């Protein structure tokens, strides 16, 4: 699992999350769907970037 997380391209993750969040908030007929989509996608991408950073740190510790 950690190897898969290390290989993730964060730009593509952001674009995919943007599309799915956009569809979800638009389907819910939310008036602020665009701003909610951007915020939710950014938050999810930042969380994934943090997990990726930790996974890369674990890899460096294994090499020692």
PDB file of N, CA and C in Angstrom:
ATOM      1  N   UNK A   1       0.824  -1.199   0.000  1.00  0.00           N
ATOM      2  CA  UNK A   1       0.000   0.000   0.000  1.00  0.00           C
ATOM      3  C   UNK A   1       0.868   1.262   0.000  1.00  0.00           C
ATOM      4  N   UNK A   2       1.925   1.256   0.811  1.00  0.00           N
ATOM      5  CA  UNK A   2       2.791   2.426   0.892  1.00  0.00           C
ATOM      6  C   UNK A   2       3.478   2.683  -0.447  1.00  0.00           C
ATOM      7  N   UNK A   3       3.830   1.636  -1.164  1.00  0.00           N
ATOM      8  CA  UNK A   3       4.472   1.812  -2.472  1.00  0.00           C
ATOM      9  C   UNK A   3       3.509   2.474  -3.462  1.00  0.00           C
ATOM     10  N   UNK A   4       2.264   2.095  -3.414  1.00  0.00           N
ATOM     11  CA  UNK A   4       1.265   2.682  -4.295  1.00  0.00           C
ATOM     12  C   UNK A   4       1.074   4.164  -3.981  1.00  0.00           C
ATOM     13  N   UNK A   5       1.040   4.505  -2.711  1.00  0.00           N
ATOM     14  CA  UNK A   5       0.873   5.904  -2.304  1.00  0.00           C
ATOM     15  C   UNK A   5       2.065   6.742  -2.749  1.00  0.00           C
ATOM     16  N   UNK A   6       3.260   6.178  -2.691  1.00  0.00           N
ATOM     17  CA  UNK A   6       4.451   6.920  -3.105  1.00  0.00           C
ATOM     18  C   UNK A   6       4.440   7.232  -4.600  1.00  0.00           C
ATOM     19  N   UNK A   7       3.779   6.405  -5.395  1.00  0.00           N
ATOM     20  CA  UNK A   7       3.780   6.593  -6.853  1.00  0.00           C
ATOM     21  C   UNK A   7       2.639   7.476  -7.353  1.00  0.00           C
ATOM     22  N   UNK A   8       1.768   7.928  -6.482  1.00  0.00           N
ATOM     23  CA  UNK A   8       0.608   8.726  -6.883  1.00  0.00           C
ATOM     24  C   UNK A   8       1.043  10.096  -7.385  1.00  0.00           C
ATOM     25  N   UNK A   9       0.427  10.533  -8.471  1.00  0.00           N
ATOM     26  CA  UNK A   9       0.653  11.871  -8.999  1.00  0.00           C
ATOM     27  C   UNK A   9      -0.426  12.780  -8.394  1.00  0.00           C
ATOM     28  N   UNK A  10      -0.015  13.737  -7.569  1.00  0.00           N
ATOM     29  CA  UNK A  10      -0.962  14.562  -6.838  1.00  0.00           C
ATOM     30  C   UNK A  10      -1.793  15.470  -7.747  1.00  0.00           C
ATOM     31  N   UNK A  11      -1.241  15.861  -8.878  1.00  0.00           N
ATOM     32  CA  UNK A  11      -2.009  16.700  -9.802  1.00  0.00           C
ATOM     33  C   UNK A  11      -3.213  15.939 -10.351  1.00  0.00           C
ATOM     34  N   UNK A  12      -3.003  14.682 -10.746  1.00  0.00           N
ATOM     35  CA  UNK A  12      -4.110  13.876 -11.259  1.00  0.00           C
ATOM     36  C   UNK A  12      -5.127  13.575 -10.169  1.00  0.00           C
ATOM     37  N   UNK A  13      -4.639  13.354  -8.966  1.00  0.00           N
ATOM     38  CA  UNK A  13      -5.556  13.120  -7.843  1.00  0.00           C
ATOM     39  C   UNK A  13      -6.438  14.341  -7.635  1.00  0.00           C
ATOM     40  N   UNK A  14      -5.828  15.534  -7.681  1.00  0.00           N
ATOM     41  CA  UNK A  14      -6.601  16.765  -7.510  1.00  0.00           C
ATOM     42  C   UNK A  14      -7.652  16.905  -8.606  1.00  0.00           C
ATOM     43  N   UNK A  15      -7.289  16.633  -9.847  1.00  0.00           N
ATOM     44  CA  UNK A  15      -8.233  16.768 -10.965  1.00  0.00           C
ATOM     45  C   UNK A  15      -9.390  15.783 -10.826  1.00  0.00           C
ATOM     46  N   UNK A  16      -9.081  14.550 -10.450  1.00  0.00           N
ATOM     47  CA  UNK A  16     -10.137  13.540 -10.285  1.00  0.00           C
ATOM     48  C   UNK A  16     -11.053  13.906  -9.120  1.00  0.00           C
ATOM     49  N   UNK A  17     -10.456  14.321  -8.004  1.00  0.00           N
ATOM     50  CA  UNK A  17     -11.273  14.734  -6.866  1.00  0.00           C
ATOM     51  C   UNK A  17     -12.121  15.952  -7.209  1.00  0.00           C
ATOM     52  N   UNK A  18     -11.572  16.875  -7.976  1.00  0.00           N
ATOM     53  CA  UNK A  18     -12.315  18.062  -8.394  1.00  0.00           C
ATOM     54  C   UNK A  18     -13.552  17.658  -9.199  1.00  0.00           C
ATOM     55  N   UNK A  19     -13.378  16.714 -10.107  1.00  0.00           N
ATOM     56  CA  UNK A  19     -14.505  16.269 -10.934  1.00  0.00           C
ATOM     57  C   UNK A  19     -15.586  15.592 -10.091  1.00  0.00           C
ATOM     58  N   UNK A  20     -15.178  14.678  -9.211  1.00  0.00           N
ATOM     59  CA  UNK A  20     -16.167  13.961  -8.409  1.00  0.00           C
ATOM     60  C   UNK A  20     -16.846  14.856  -7.381  1.00  0.00           C
ATOM     61  N   UNK A  21     -16.083  15.723  -6.731  1.00  0.00           N
ATOM     62  CA  UNK A  21     -16.703  16.651  -5.786  1.00  0.00           C
ATOM     63  C   UNK A  21     -17.640  17.608  -6.520  1.00  0.00           C
ATOM     64  N   UNK A  22     -17.230  18.059  -7.694  1.00  0.00           N
ATOM     65  CA  UNK A  22     -18.082  18.951  -8.475  1.00  0.00           C
ATOM     66  C   UNK A  22     -19.408  18.300  -8.840  1.00  0.00           C
ATOM     67  N   UNK A  23     -19.342  17.074  -9.303  1.00  0.00           N
ATOM     68  CA  UNK A  23     -20.580  16.354  -9.637  1.00  0.00           C
ATOM     69  C   UNK A  23     -21.458  16.161  -8.410  1.00  0.00           C
ATOM     70  N   UNK A  24     -20.840  15.818  -7.293  1.00  0.00           N
ATOM     71  CA  UNK A  24     -21.607  15.557  -6.080  1.00  0.00           C
ATOM     72  C   UNK A  24     -22.317  16.825  -5.588  1.00  0.00           C
ATOM     73  N   UNK A  25     -21.573  17.929  -5.471  1.00  0.00           N
ATOM     74  CA  UNK A  25     -22.191  19.152  -4.958  1.00  0.00           C
ATOM     75  C   UNK A  25     -23.175  19.759  -5.949  1.00  0.00           C
ATOM     76  N   UNK A  26     -22.916  19.604  -7.232  1.00  0.00           N
ATOM     77  CA  UNK A  26     -23.861  20.092  -8.236  1.00  0.00           C
ATOM     78  C   UNK A  26     -25.150  19.264  -8.208  1.00  0.00           C
ATOM     79  N   UNK A  27     -25.013  17.950  -8.039  1.00  0.00           N
ATOM     80  CA  UNK A  27     -26.188  17.075  -7.974  1.00  0.00           C
ATOM     81  C   UNK A  27     -27.013  17.340  -6.718  1.00  0.00           C
ATOM     82  N   UNK A  28     -26.348  17.799  -5.668  1.00  0.00           N
ATOM     83  CA  UNK A  28     -27.068  18.129  -4.432  1.00  0.00           C
ATOM     84  C   UNK A  28     -27.743  19.506  -4.522  1.00  0.00           C
ATOM     85  N   UNK A  29     -27.602  20.161  -5.667  1.00  0.00           N
ATOM     86  CA  UNK A  29     -28.189  21.467  -5.944  1.00  0.00           C
ATOM     87  C   UNK A  29     -27.769  22.507  -4.914  1.00  0.00           C
ATOM     88  N   UNK A  30     -26.496  22.478  -4.579  1.00  0.00           N
ATOM     89  CA  UNK A  30     -25.939  23.438  -3.639  1.00  0.00           C
ATOM     90  C   UNK A  30     -25.572  24.719  -4.391  1.00  0.00           C
ATOM     91  N   UNK A  31     -25.945  25.873  -3.849  1.00  0.00           N
ATOM     92  CA  UNK A  31     -25.679  27.136  -4.530  1.00  0.00           C
ATOM     93  C   UNK A  31     -24.191  27.464  -4.597  1.00  0.00           C
ATOM     94  N   UNK A  32     -23.431  27.034  -3.619  1.00  0.00           N
ATOM     95  CA  UNK A  32     -21.986  27.298  -3.567  1.00  0.00           C
ATOM     96  C   UNK A  32     -21.176  26.080  -4.010  1.00  0.00           C
ATOM     97  N   UNK A  33     -21.646  25.362  -5.005  1.00  0.00           N
ATOM     98  CA  UNK A  33     -21.014  24.106  -5.375  1.00  0.00           C
ATOM     99  C   UNK A  33     -19.586  24.284  -5.869  1.00  0.00           C
ATOM    100  N   UNK A  34     -19.292  25.385  -6.536  1.00  0.00           N
ATOM    101  CA  UNK A  34     -17.952  25.581  -7.077  1.00  0.00           C
ATOM    102  C   UNK A  34     -16.926  25.819  -5.962  1.00  0.00           C
ATOM    103  N   UNK A  35     -17.247  26.683  -5.033  1.00  0.00           N
ATOM    104  CA  UNK A  35     -16.305  26.945  -3.936  1.00  0.00           C
ATOM    105  C   UNK A  35     -16.158  25.721  -3.041  1.00  0.00           C
ATOM    106  N   UNK A  36     -17.246  25.019  -2.784  1.00  0.00           N
ATOM    107  CA  UNK A  36     -17.162  23.793  -1.983  1.00  0.00           C
ATOM    108  C   UNK A  36     -16.324  22.734  -2.678  1.00  0.00           C
ATOM    109  N   UNK A  37     -16.469  22.647  -3.987  1.00  0.00           N
ATOM    110  CA  UNK A  37     -15.686  21.686  -4.766  1.00  0.00           C
ATOM    111  C   UNK A  37     -14.199  21.976  -4.658  1.00  0.00           C
ATOM    112  N   UNK A  38     -13.827  23.233  -4.814  1.00  0.00           N
ATOM    113  CA  UNK A  38     -12.413  23.605  -4.736  1.00  0.00           C
ATOM    114  C   UNK A  38     -11.843  23.348  -3.347  1.00  0.00           C
ATOM    115  N   UNK A  39     -12.576  23.740  -2.315  1.00  0.00           N
ATOM    116  CA  UNK A  39     -12.088  23.567  -0.945  1.00  0.00           C
ATOM    117  C   UNK A  39     -11.965  22.085  -0.603  1.00  0.00           C
ATOM    118  N   UNK A  40     -12.987  21.314  -0.902  1.00  0.00           N
ATOM    119  CA  UNK A  40     -12.955  19.887  -0.574  1.00  0.00           C
ATOM    120  C   UNK A  40     -11.836  19.168  -1.325  1.00  0.00           C
ATOM    121  N   UNK A  41     -11.647  19.504  -2.574  1.00  0.00           N
ATOM    122  CA  UNK A  41     -10.590  18.865  -3.360  1.00  0.00           C
ATOM    123  C   UNK A  41      -9.206  19.243  -2.836  1.00  0.00           C
ATOM    124  N   UNK A  42      -9.028  20.509  -2.479  1.00  0.00           N
ATOM    125  CA  UNK A  42      -7.746  20.941  -1.918  1.00  0.00           C
ATOM    126  C   UNK A  42      -7.450  20.253  -0.590  1.00  0.00           C
ATOM    127  N   UNK A  43      -8.453  20.171   0.275  1.00  0.00           N
ATOM    128  CA  UNK A  43      -8.258  19.528   1.576  1.00  0.00           C
ATOM    129  C   UNK A  43      -7.894  18.058   1.396  1.00  0.00           C
ATOM    130  N   UNK A  44      -8.628  17.353   0.549  1.00  0.00           N
ATOM    131  CA  UNK A  44      -8.331  15.937   0.319  1.00  0.00           C
ATOM    132  C   UNK A  44      -6.943  15.741  -0.280  1.00  0.00           C
ATOM    133  N   UNK A  45      -6.543  16.607  -1.198  1.00  0.00           N
ATOM    134  CA  UNK A  45      -5.228  16.493  -1.821  1.00  0.00           C
ATOM    135  C   UNK A  45      -4.117  16.791  -0.818  1.00  0.00           C
ATOM    136  N   UNK A  46      -4.325  17.767   0.047  1.00  0.00           N
ATOM    137  CA  UNK A  46      -3.320  18.078   1.071  1.00  0.00           C
ATOM    138  C   UNK A  46      -3.175  16.918   2.055  1.00  0.00           C
ATOM    139  N   UNK A  47      -4.275  16.296   2.430  1.00  0.00           N
ATOM    140  CA  UNK A  47      -4.210  15.131   3.317  1.00  0.00           C
ATOM    141  C   UNK A  47      -3.441  13.999   2.645  1.00  0.00           C
ATOM    142  N   UNK A  48      -3.728  13.751   1.384  1.00  0.00           N
ATOM    143  CA  UNK A  48      -3.011  12.704   0.654  1.00  0.00           C
ATOM    144  C   UNK A  48      -1.529  13.047   0.501  1.00  0.00           C
ATOM    145  N   UNK A  49      -1.206  14.321   0.299  1.00  0.00           N
ATOM    146  CA  UNK A  49       0.197  14.734   0.209  1.00  0.00           C
ATOM    147  C   UNK A  49       0.913  14.489   1.531  1.00  0.00           C
ATOM    148  N   UNK A  50       0.228  14.729   2.641  1.00  0.00           N
ATOM    149  CA  UNK A  50       0.812  14.437   3.947  1.00  0.00           C
ATOM    150  C   UNK A  50       1.072  12.955   4.140  1.00  0.00           C
ATOM    151  N   UNK A  51       0.125  12.133   3.727  1.00  0.00           N
ATOM    152  CA  UNK A  51       0.306  10.683   3.819  1.00  0.00           C
ATOM    153  C   UNK A  51       1.463  10.244   2.933  1.00  0.00           C
ATOM    154  N   UNK A  52       1.556  10.838   1.757  1.00  0.00           N
ATOM    155  CA  UNK A  52       2.646  10.516   0.832  1.00  0.00           C
ATOM    156  C   UNK A  52       3.991  10.912   1.435  1.00  0.00           C
ATOM    157  N   UNK A  53       4.056  12.060   2.091  1.00  0.00           N
ATOM    158  CA  UNK A  53       5.280  12.523   2.736  1.00  0.00           C
ATOM    159  C   UNK A  53       5.715  11.546   3.837  1.00  0.00           C
ATOM    160  N   UNK A  54       4.775  11.092   4.630  1.00  0.00           N
ATOM    161  CA  UNK A  54       5.082  10.128   5.694  1.00  0.00           C
ATOM    162  C   UNK A  54       5.540   8.808   5.094  1.00  0.00           C
ATOM    163  N   UNK A  55       4.889   8.361   4.026  1.00  0.00           N
ATOM    164  CA  UNK A  55       5.271   7.100   3.381  1.00  0.00           C
ATOM    165  C   UNK A  55       6.680   7.186   2.814  1.00  0.00           C
ATOM    166  N   UNK A  56       7.050   8.336   2.273  1.00  0.00           N
ATOM    167  CA  UNK A  56       8.408   8.497   1.743  1.00  0.00           C
ATOM    168  C   UNK A  56       9.423   8.519   2.883  1.00  0.00           C
ATOM    169  N   UNK A  57       9.049   9.080   4.024  1.00  0.00           N
ATOM    170  CA  UNK A  57       9.930   9.078   5.189  1.00  0.00           C
ATOM    171  C   UNK A  57      10.147   7.680   5.726  1.00  0.00           C
ATOM    172  N   UNK A  58       9.097   6.861   5.686  1.00  0.00           N
ATOM    173  CA  UNK A  58       9.226   5.473   6.139  1.00  0.00           C
ATOM    174  C   UNK A  58      10.171   4.710   5.224  1.00  0.00           C
ATOM    175  N   UNK A  59      10.149   5.011   3.946  1.00  0.00           N
ATOM    176  CA  UNK A  59      11.024   4.332   2.987  1.00  0.00           C
ATOM    177  C   UNK A  59      12.485   4.673   3.263  1.00  0.00           C
ATOM    178  N   UNK A  60      12.748   5.940   3.585  1.00  0.00           N
ATOM    179  CA  UNK A  60      14.112   6.349   3.885  1.00  0.00           C
ATOM    180  C   UNK A  60      14.619   5.674   5.152  1.00  0.00           C
ATOM    181  N   UNK A  61      13.754   5.479   6.144  1.00  0.00           N
ATOM    182  CA  UNK A  61      14.157   4.811   7.380  1.00  0.00           C
ATOM    183  C   UNK A  61      14.465   3.341   7.139  1.00  0.00           C
ATOM    184  N   UNK A  62      13.736   2.703   6.222  1.00  0.00           N
ATOM    185  CA  UNK A  62      13.991   1.296   5.917  1.00  0.00           C
ATOM    186  C   UNK A  62      15.351   1.091   5.275  1.00  0.00           C
ATOM    187  N   UNK A  63      15.804   2.075   4.501  1.00  0.00           N
ATOM    188  CA  UNK A  63      17.088   1.948   3.814  1.00  0.00           C
ATOM    189  C   UNK A  63      18.256   1.976   4.779  1.00  0.00           C
ATOM    190  N   UNK A  64      18.102   2.609   5.924  1.00  0.00           N
ATOM    191  CA  UNK A  64      19.209   2.729   6.889  1.00  0.00           C
ATOM    192  C   UNK A  64      19.497   1.469   7.595  1.00  0.00           C
TER     193      UNK A  64
END
